Amino acid sequence: MFSYANMASPIIDGTNASTAYSSKDIDILSENIDINIAEGFNQADYDVTYEIYSAKKGDRIPLVFEVFDSIGNDADKSFIVEVDGQAVPVLINYDYESQSKSLPAYHDPETDTAVPFNNDAKYFEINLSEGNHVINVKYSAHPTIDRSNWTNQYIYNYSLKPAKTWKSFGNLTVTLKIADESQYLKTNLGKPLGGALQADSKWVFDHIPNDVLDISYRQPPSSLAQWLIDLDGRVVFLVSIMLFGFMHYRSLRSSHKKHSKQAKAILWSGVFIVPLIVLIIVFYKIYFIDWLLGEHASRYHGYTIFIIVFGYPLVLPFYLLIMKLCDSYFKRVFPRDSKINVKKA
């Protein structure tokens, strides 16, 4: 009876973040990924450092980054690249003026096919000397939000798959810092160096641990909120209609017992008002739970107004029938006194 339809997806896509695609004449000696996630888990700052070795000197595109937002261009605005401590201009693959792409396709070793870069892929051109260099990349990212539960699950994905196209792979260091409680934090990187997952954790690998580095956070409901979530809407409906229906019943009975002229008004006002109040209680139970959950409430409940719009025409006839039967019963039990003129013989 109380199903909540919603045609929209419960998933809100966040920033597509990824390690770099490397030029074939570049050796990546190490990659250090520092991820600092702000309170509320709504934004993460990435600070990624690559130590590379260039086998020759000359102009080239050493690294390409497929970092972009599905909606908006916040990643474009915050994207900064420094080579050996000097900032360099960041270029975008697709040029809307010429309607052409600047980057050639890359070879995917798994499928043995050429794959074009995303339109929003970022790169830079620089004259690199032979030898070691440090490339630092900074940008802000937003999480993918899964709203399929009562509380949001915030997910940050960082693809390590491009590293499979590198000429060589050195060490990978991941440092994760969060401002929220670590007990609700999950990753797919295994145990950090400290043993237990903390608000400040570190991992070191000499191989690619997973195709995608996955970080997620979901704060569970409080015990009161969880109790209300588990409380079936049909139970709330039945308890509410019994309570308000009993109050209506008592008022109607009292009016008939006192032979009040308001009996009819009490009957019909209650018939229209009680089902509406009960359905409003069921409706607002959902939003009361959201209020208890606070900022992490998903608020993904569909068209809850249908509870009232479709529920009212269904409940009203049944409630009307029951109260009309009660009204007829009270008229028999409490008949109005008739004036009988008795003539003396």
Protein backbone atom coordinates (compact mmCIF):
# COMPACT_ATOMS: atom_id res chain seq x y z
CA MET A 1 0.00 0.00 0.00
CA PHE A 2 2.76 2.41 0.89
CA SER A 3 5.33 1.90 -1.87
CA TYR A 4 7.37 4.92 -2.88
CA ALA A 5 7.88 5.20 -6.63
CA ASN A 6 10.92 7.02 -7.99
CA MET A 7 12.04 6.98 -11.60
CA ALA A 8 15.34 8.78 -10.98
CA SER A 9 18.55 6.89 -10.28
CA PRO A 10 19.68 6.70 -6.64
CA ILE A 11 23.27 7.23 -7.82
CA ILE A 12 24.74 10.72 -8.14
CA ASP A 13 27.96 10.45 -10.12
CA GLY A 14 31.02 12.14 -8.69
CA THR A 15 34.45 12.96 -10.08
CA ASN A 16 36.14 10.43 -12.32
CA ALA A 17 39.65 10.25 -10.86
CA SER A 18 42.50 8.23 -12.29
CA THR A 19 46.23 7.80 -12.26
CA ALA A 20 48.14 9.02 -15.30
CA TYR A 21 48.65 7.46 -18.71
CA SER A 22 52.36 7.61 -19.43
CA SER A 23 54.41 8.28 -22.54
CA LYS A 24 56.38 5.21 -23.69
CA ASP A 25 59.72 6.98 -23.21
CA ILE A 26 58.96 7.72 -19.55
CA ASP A 27 59.72 5.43 -16.62
CA ILE A 28 57.54 6.07 -13.57
CA LEU A 29 59.69 5.27 -10.56
CA SER A 30 57.04 5.93 -7.91
CA GLU A 31 53.57 7.34 -7.38
CA ASN A 32 52.48 8.93 -4.09
CA ILE A 33 48.75 9.53 -3.69
CA ASP A 34 47.69 11.77 -0.81
CA ILE A 35 43.92 11.95 -0.34
CA ASN A 36 42.50 14.37 2.19
CA ILE A 37 38.74 14.05 2.63
CA ALA A 38 36.93 16.97 4.28
CA GLU A 39 34.37 16.65 7.06
CA GLY A 40 31.06 15.37 5.76
CA PHE A 41 32.84 13.39 3.04
CA ASN A 42 31.58 15.78 0.35
CA GLN A 43 34.97 16.81 -1.04
CA ALA A 44 38.42 15.28 -1.34
CA ASP A 45 41.68 16.97 -2.20
CA TYR A 46 44.07 14.82 -4.23
CA ASP A 47 47.80 15.52 -4.17
CA VAL A 48 49.57 13.04 -6.46
CA THR A 49 53.33 13.02 -6.99
CA TYR A 50 55.12 11.07 -9.72
CA GLU A 51 58.86 10.51 -9.74
CA ILE A 52 59.80 9.83 -13.35
CA TYR A 53 62.86 9.18 -15.46
CA SER A 54 63.05 10.60 -18.97
CA ALA A 55 65.33 8.56 -21.26
CA LYS A 56 65.72 11.46 -23.69
CA LYS A 57 65.25 15.20 -23.86
CA GLY A 58 62.77 17.14 -25.98
CA ASP A 59 59.18 18.37 -26.23
CA ARG A 60 56.55 15.82 -25.35
CA ILE A 61 53.36 15.00 -23.48
CA PRO A 62 54.71 12.92 -20.60
CA LEU A 63 51.43 12.22 -18.77
CA VAL A 64 47.70 12.31 -19.55
CA PHE A 65 45.02 12.39 -16.84
CA GLU A 66 41.43 11.25 -17.25
CA VAL A 67 40.09 13.35 -14.39
CA PHE A 68 36.73 15.00 -14.94
CA ASP A 69 33.29 15.59 -13.42
CA SER A 70 30.18 14.00 -14.86
CA ILE A 71 28.29 17.21 -14.11
CA GLY A 72 29.99 20.60 -14.08
CA ASN A 73 33.68 21.31 -14.45
CA ASP A 74 34.96 21.69 -10.88
CA ALA A 75 37.80 19.25 -11.58
CA ASP A 76 38.90 21.42 -14.52
CA LYS A 77 39.01 24.55 -12.36
CA SER A 78 41.01 22.98 -9.54
CA PHE A 79 43.45 20.94 -11.65
CA ILE A 80 47.07 22.05 -11.15
CA VAL A 81 50.26 20.50 -12.55
CA GLU A 82 53.81 21.30 -11.45
CA VAL A 83 56.97 19.91 -13.02
CA ASP A 84 60.05 20.14 -10.81
CA GLY A 85 58.25 22.74 -8.69
CA GLN A 86 57.18 24.95 -11.62
CA ALA A 87 53.52 25.28 -12.62
CA VAL A 88 52.73 24.38 -16.22
CA PRO A 89 49.58 25.15 -18.29
CA VAL A 90 46.95 22.40 -18.25
CA LEU A 91 45.35 21.57 -21.60
CA ILE A 92 42.04 19.83 -22.35
CA ASN A 93 41.79 17.08 -24.96
CA TYR A 94 38.72 18.36 -26.82
CA ASP A 95 38.78 21.80 -28.41
CA TYR A 96 35.22 23.06 -28.80
CA GLU A 97 36.22 25.77 -31.27
CA SER A 98 37.84 23.41 -33.76
CA GLN A 99 35.68 20.48 -32.61
CA SER A 100 38.70 18.21 -32.61
CA LYS A 101 40.74 16.18 -30.15
CA SER A 102 44.39 16.83 -29.46
CA LEU A 103 45.37 13.46 -28.02
CA PRO A 104 45.84 10.25 -29.99
CA ALA A 105 44.23 7.04 -28.78
CA TYR A 106 46.12 4.84 -26.32
CA HIS A 107 46.67 1.10 -26.55
CA ASP A 108 44.73 -1.03 -24.08
CA PRO A 109 46.82 -4.17 -23.43
CA GLU A 110 43.85 -6.12 -22.03
CA THR A 111 41.71 -5.77 -25.17
CA ASP A 112 44.57 -5.11 -27.60
CA THR A 113 42.64 -2.17 -29.05
CA ALA A 114 43.15 1.55 -29.47
CA VAL A 115 40.97 3.51 -27.02
CA PRO A 116 40.34 7.26 -27.42
CA PHE A 117 40.82 9.54 -24.44
CA ASN A 118 37.82 11.23 -22.88
CA ASN A 119 37.01 14.71 -24.20
CA ASP A 120 37.86 16.17 -20.78
CA ALA A 121 41.17 14.35 -20.39
CA LYS A 122 43.92 16.71 -19.21
CA TYR A 123 47.52 16.91 -20.34
CA PHE A 124 50.48 19.26 -20.60
CA GLU A 125 53.33 19.76 -23.03
CA ILE A 126 56.85 20.41 -21.81
CA ASN A 127 60.47 20.22 -22.88
CA LEU A 128 61.89 17.56 -20.58
CA SER A 129 65.61 17.07 -20.13
CA GLU A 130 67.07 13.62 -19.81
CA GLY A 131 67.08 12.34 -16.22
CA ASN A 132 64.84 12.35 -13.16
CA HIS A 133 61.89 14.70 -12.70
CA VAL A 134 59.07 15.21 -10.19
CA ILE A 135 55.55 15.86 -11.47
CA ASN A 136 52.97 16.97 -8.94
CA VAL A 137 49.23 17.02 -9.65
CA LYS A 138 46.58 18.59 -7.41
CA TYR A 139 42.82 18.73 -7.77
CA SER A 140 39.57 18.54 -5.82
CA ALA A 141 37.00 15.80 -6.32
CA HIS A 142 33.42 15.09 -5.34
CA PRO A 143 32.18 11.64 -4.29
CA THR A 144 29.74 9.40 -6.05
CA ILE A 145 26.72 9.27 -3.73
CA ASP A 146 24.63 6.12 -3.44
CA ARG A 147 21.21 7.07 -2.06
CA SER A 148 19.65 3.60 -2.22
CA ASN A 149 19.65 3.33 1.61
CA TRP A 150 18.27 5.73 4.21
CA THR A 151 21.73 7.25 4.69
CA ASN A 152 24.10 8.25 1.89
CA GLN A 153 27.09 6.16 0.97
CA TYR A 154 29.93 8.37 -0.24
CA ILE A 155 32.32 6.69 -2.67
CA TYR A 156 35.65 7.91 -4.03
CA ASN A 157 37.10 5.82 -6.83
CA TYR A 158 40.63 6.27 -8.15
CA SER A 159 41.47 4.14 -11.17
CA LEU A 160 44.89 2.51 -11.14
CA LYS A 161 44.22 0.66 -14.38
CA PRO A 162 46.18 3.16 -16.55
CA ALA A 163 49.32 2.02 -14.71
CA LYS A 164 49.06 -1.24 -16.68
CA THR A 165 50.03 0.75 -19.78
CA TRP A 166 53.19 2.15 -18.17
CA LYS A 167 56.61 1.19 -19.43
CA SER A 168 57.52 0.25 -15.86
CA PHE A 169 55.89 0.31 -12.42
CA GLY A 170 57.74 1.31 -9.26
CA ASN A 171 56.39 1.84 -5.78
CA LEU A 172 52.89 3.07 -4.97
CA THR A 173 52.19 4.90 -1.71
CA VAL A 174 48.66 5.84 -0.67
CA THR A 175 48.01 8.17 2.26
CA LEU A 176 44.41 8.72 3.32
CA LYS A 177 43.23 11.33 5.81
CA ILE A 178 39.61 11.91 6.79
CA ALA A 179 37.95 14.38 9.15
CA ASP A 180 35.13 12.00 10.12
CA GLU A 181 35.03 8.88 12.28
CA SER A 182 37.12 6.06 10.82
CA GLN A 183 34.77 3.33 12.11
CA TYR A 184 32.46 3.96 9.15
CA LEU A 185 35.29 4.05 6.60
CA LYS A 186 35.97 1.21 4.15
CA THR A 187 38.63 0.66 1.49
CA ASN A 188 39.64 -2.20 -0.77
CA LEU A 189 43.36 -1.75 -0.04
CA GLY A 190 43.61 -4.20 2.83
CA LYS A 191 45.23 -3.35 6.15
CA PRO A 192 47.30 -0.15 6.28
CA LEU A 193 50.80 0.02 7.72
CA GLY A 194 49.45 0.74 11.20
CA GLY A 195 47.37 -2.44 11.12
CA ALA A 196 43.95 -0.87 11.73
CA LEU A 197 42.14 1.61 9.54
CA GLN A 198 42.41 5.06 11.14
CA ALA A 199 41.56 8.65 10.26
CA ASP A 200 45.17 8.89 9.00
CA SER A 201 46.27 5.69 7.24
CA LYS A 202 49.05 4.72 4.85
CA TRP A 203 49.67 1.87 2.41
CA VAL A 204 52.78 0.99 0.38
CA PHE A 205 52.71 -1.39 -2.61
CA ASP A 206 55.26 -2.69 -5.09
CA HIS A 207 52.47 -3.79 -7.44
CA ILE A 208 49.04 -2.60 -8.57
CA PRO A 209 46.73 -3.72 -5.71
CA ASN A 210 43.44 -3.28 -7.62
CA ASP A 211 42.26 -1.81 -10.89
CA VAL A 212 40.31 0.74 -8.86
CA LEU A 213 41.16 2.18 -5.46
CA ASP A 214 37.83 2.30 -3.63
CA ILE A 215 37.11 4.45 -0.55
CA SER A 216 33.61 4.54 0.90
CA TYR A 217 31.89 6.00 3.94
CA ARG A 218 28.38 5.44 5.24
CA GLN A 219 27.19 6.56 8.66
CA PRO A 220 24.46 4.21 9.93
CA PRO A 221 21.20 5.53 11.43
CA SER A 222 20.88 6.13 15.16
CA SER A 223 19.00 3.47 17.16
CA LEU A 224 15.83 5.61 17.27
CA ALA A 225 15.98 6.31 13.54
CA GLN A 226 16.61 2.63 12.81
CA TRP A 227 13.62 1.64 14.97
CA LEU A 228 11.39 4.00 12.99
CA ILE A 229 12.83 2.70 9.71
CA ASP A 230 12.01 -0.87 10.76
CA LEU A 231 8.51 0.17 11.86
CA ASP A 232 6.29 -0.75 8.92
CA GLY A 233 4.20 2.08 7.48
CA ARG A 234 1.15 -0.20 7.55
CA VAL A 235 1.55 -0.63 11.31
CA VAL A 236 1.76 3.16 11.73
CA PHE A 237 -1.38 3.49 9.60
CA LEU A 238 -3.37 0.88 11.54
CA VAL A 239 -2.36 2.20 14.97
CA SER A 240 -3.09 5.80 13.94
CA ILE A 241 -6.48 5.08 12.41
CA MET A 242 -7.49 3.01 15.44
CA LEU A 243 -6.45 5.82 17.79
CA PHE A 244 -8.07 8.69 15.90
CA GLY A 245 -11.01 6.50 14.91
CA PHE A 246 -11.64 5.69 18.58
CA MET A 247 -11.54 9.41 19.43
CA HIS A 248 -14.05 10.05 16.66
CA TYR A 249 -16.20 7.15 17.87
CA ARG A 250 -16.25 8.51 21.44
CA SER A 251 -17.18 12.01 20.27
CA LEU A 252 -19.98 10.65 18.09
CA ARG A 253 -21.31 8.44 20.90
CA SER A 254 -21.24 11.33 23.37
CA SER A 255 -23.14 13.61 20.98
CA HIS A 256 -25.86 11.00 20.45
CA LYS A 257 -26.11 10.29 24.17
CA LYS A 258 -26.63 13.99 24.86
CA HIS A 259 -28.96 14.28 21.86
CA SER A 260 -26.74 17.06 20.56
CA LYS A 261 -27.62 18.75 17.30
CA GLN A 262 -23.88 18.55 16.45
CA ALA A 263 -23.96 14.75 16.01
CA LYS A 264 -24.29 14.96 12.24
CA ALA A 265 -21.50 17.54 11.97
CA ILE A 266 -19.24 15.41 14.18
CA LEU A 267 -19.93 12.36 12.01
CA TRP A 268 -19.12 13.99 8.67
CA SER A 269 -16.22 16.17 9.80
CA GLY A 270 -14.54 13.14 11.35
CA VAL A 271 -15.16 11.01 8.27
CA PHE A 272 -13.25 13.48 6.10
CA ILE A 273 -10.60 14.57 8.62
CA VAL A 274 -9.52 11.33 10.35
CA PRO A 275 -8.29 9.46 7.21
CA LEU A 276 -6.44 12.60 6.12
CA ILE A 277 -4.69 13.02 9.49
CA VAL A 278 -3.70 9.35 9.55
CA LEU A 279 -2.21 9.48 6.04
CA ILE A 280 -0.35 12.70 6.89
CA ILE A 281 1.20 10.91 9.89
CA VAL A 282 2.39 8.08 7.63
CA PHE A 283 3.68 10.67 5.14
CA TYR A 284 5.61 12.72 7.70
CA LYS A 285 7.10 9.64 9.40
CA ILE A 286 9.48 9.49 6.43
CA TYR A 287 10.60 13.09 6.82
CA PHE A 288 10.87 12.81 10.59
CA ILE A 289 13.35 9.97 10.04
CA ASP A 290 15.27 12.17 7.60
CA TRP A 291 15.39 14.88 10.25
CA LEU A 292 16.81 12.40 12.76
CA LEU A 293 19.43 11.25 10.23
CA GLY A 294 20.60 14.82 9.62
CA GLU A 295 23.01 15.80 6.84
CA HIS A 296 23.69 12.21 5.78
CA ALA A 297 20.02 11.40 5.06
CA SER A 298 19.63 10.25 1.46
CA ARG A 299 16.13 11.75 1.14
CA TYR A 300 15.51 9.37 -1.75
CA HIS A 301 11.92 8.27 -1.19
CA GLY A 302 10.20 8.82 -4.48
CA TYR A 303 6.82 10.46 -4.86
CA THR A 304 5.72 10.19 -1.23
CA ILE A 305 2.85 12.59 -1.82
CA PHE A 306 1.14 9.63 -3.54
CA ILE A 307 0.56 8.24 -0.03
CA ILE A 308 -2.04 10.96 0.44
CA VAL A 309 -3.16 11.46 -3.17
CA PHE A 310 -3.96 7.79 -3.78
CA GLY A 311 -4.39 6.63 -0.20
CA TYR A 312 -7.16 9.07 0.72
CA PRO A 313 -9.70 7.93 -1.93
CA LEU A 314 -9.04 4.31 -0.89
CA VAL A 315 -9.34 4.79 2.87
CA LEU A 316 -12.26 7.25 2.90
CA PRO A 317 -15.06 4.87 1.69
CA PHE A 318 -14.14 2.16 4.22
CA TYR A 319 -13.93 4.62 7.08
CA LEU A 320 -17.21 6.22 6.01
CA LEU A 321 -18.95 2.82 6.00
CA ILE A 322 -17.69 1.95 9.49
CA MET A 323 -18.68 5.29 11.00
CA LYS A 324 -22.12 5.25 9.32
CA LEU A 325 -22.75 1.85 10.93
CA CYS A 326 -21.67 3.28 14.28
CA ASP A 327 -23.95 6.29 13.76
CA SER A 328 -26.94 4.03 12.99
CA TYR A 329 -26.20 1.98 16.08
CA PHE A 330 -26.08 5.06 18.32
CA LYS A 331 -29.40 6.29 16.91
CA ARG A 332 -31.00 3.02 18.01
CA VAL A 333 -29.35 2.94 21.41
CA PHE A 334 -29.97 6.63 22.20
CA PRO A 335 -33.33 7.48 20.55
CA ARG A 336 -34.55 11.05 20.84
CA ASP A 337 -37.37 11.47 23.42
CA SER A 338 -40.80 11.80 21.75
CA LYS A 339 -43.43 14.02 23.23
CA ILE A 340 -46.58 12.05 23.89
CA ASN A 341 -49.68 13.89 24.82
CA VAL A 342 -51.72 11.80 27.20
CA LYS A 343 -55.33 12.83 27.49
CA LYS A 344 -57.12 12.25 30.67
CA ALA A 345 -60.20 10.20 30.23
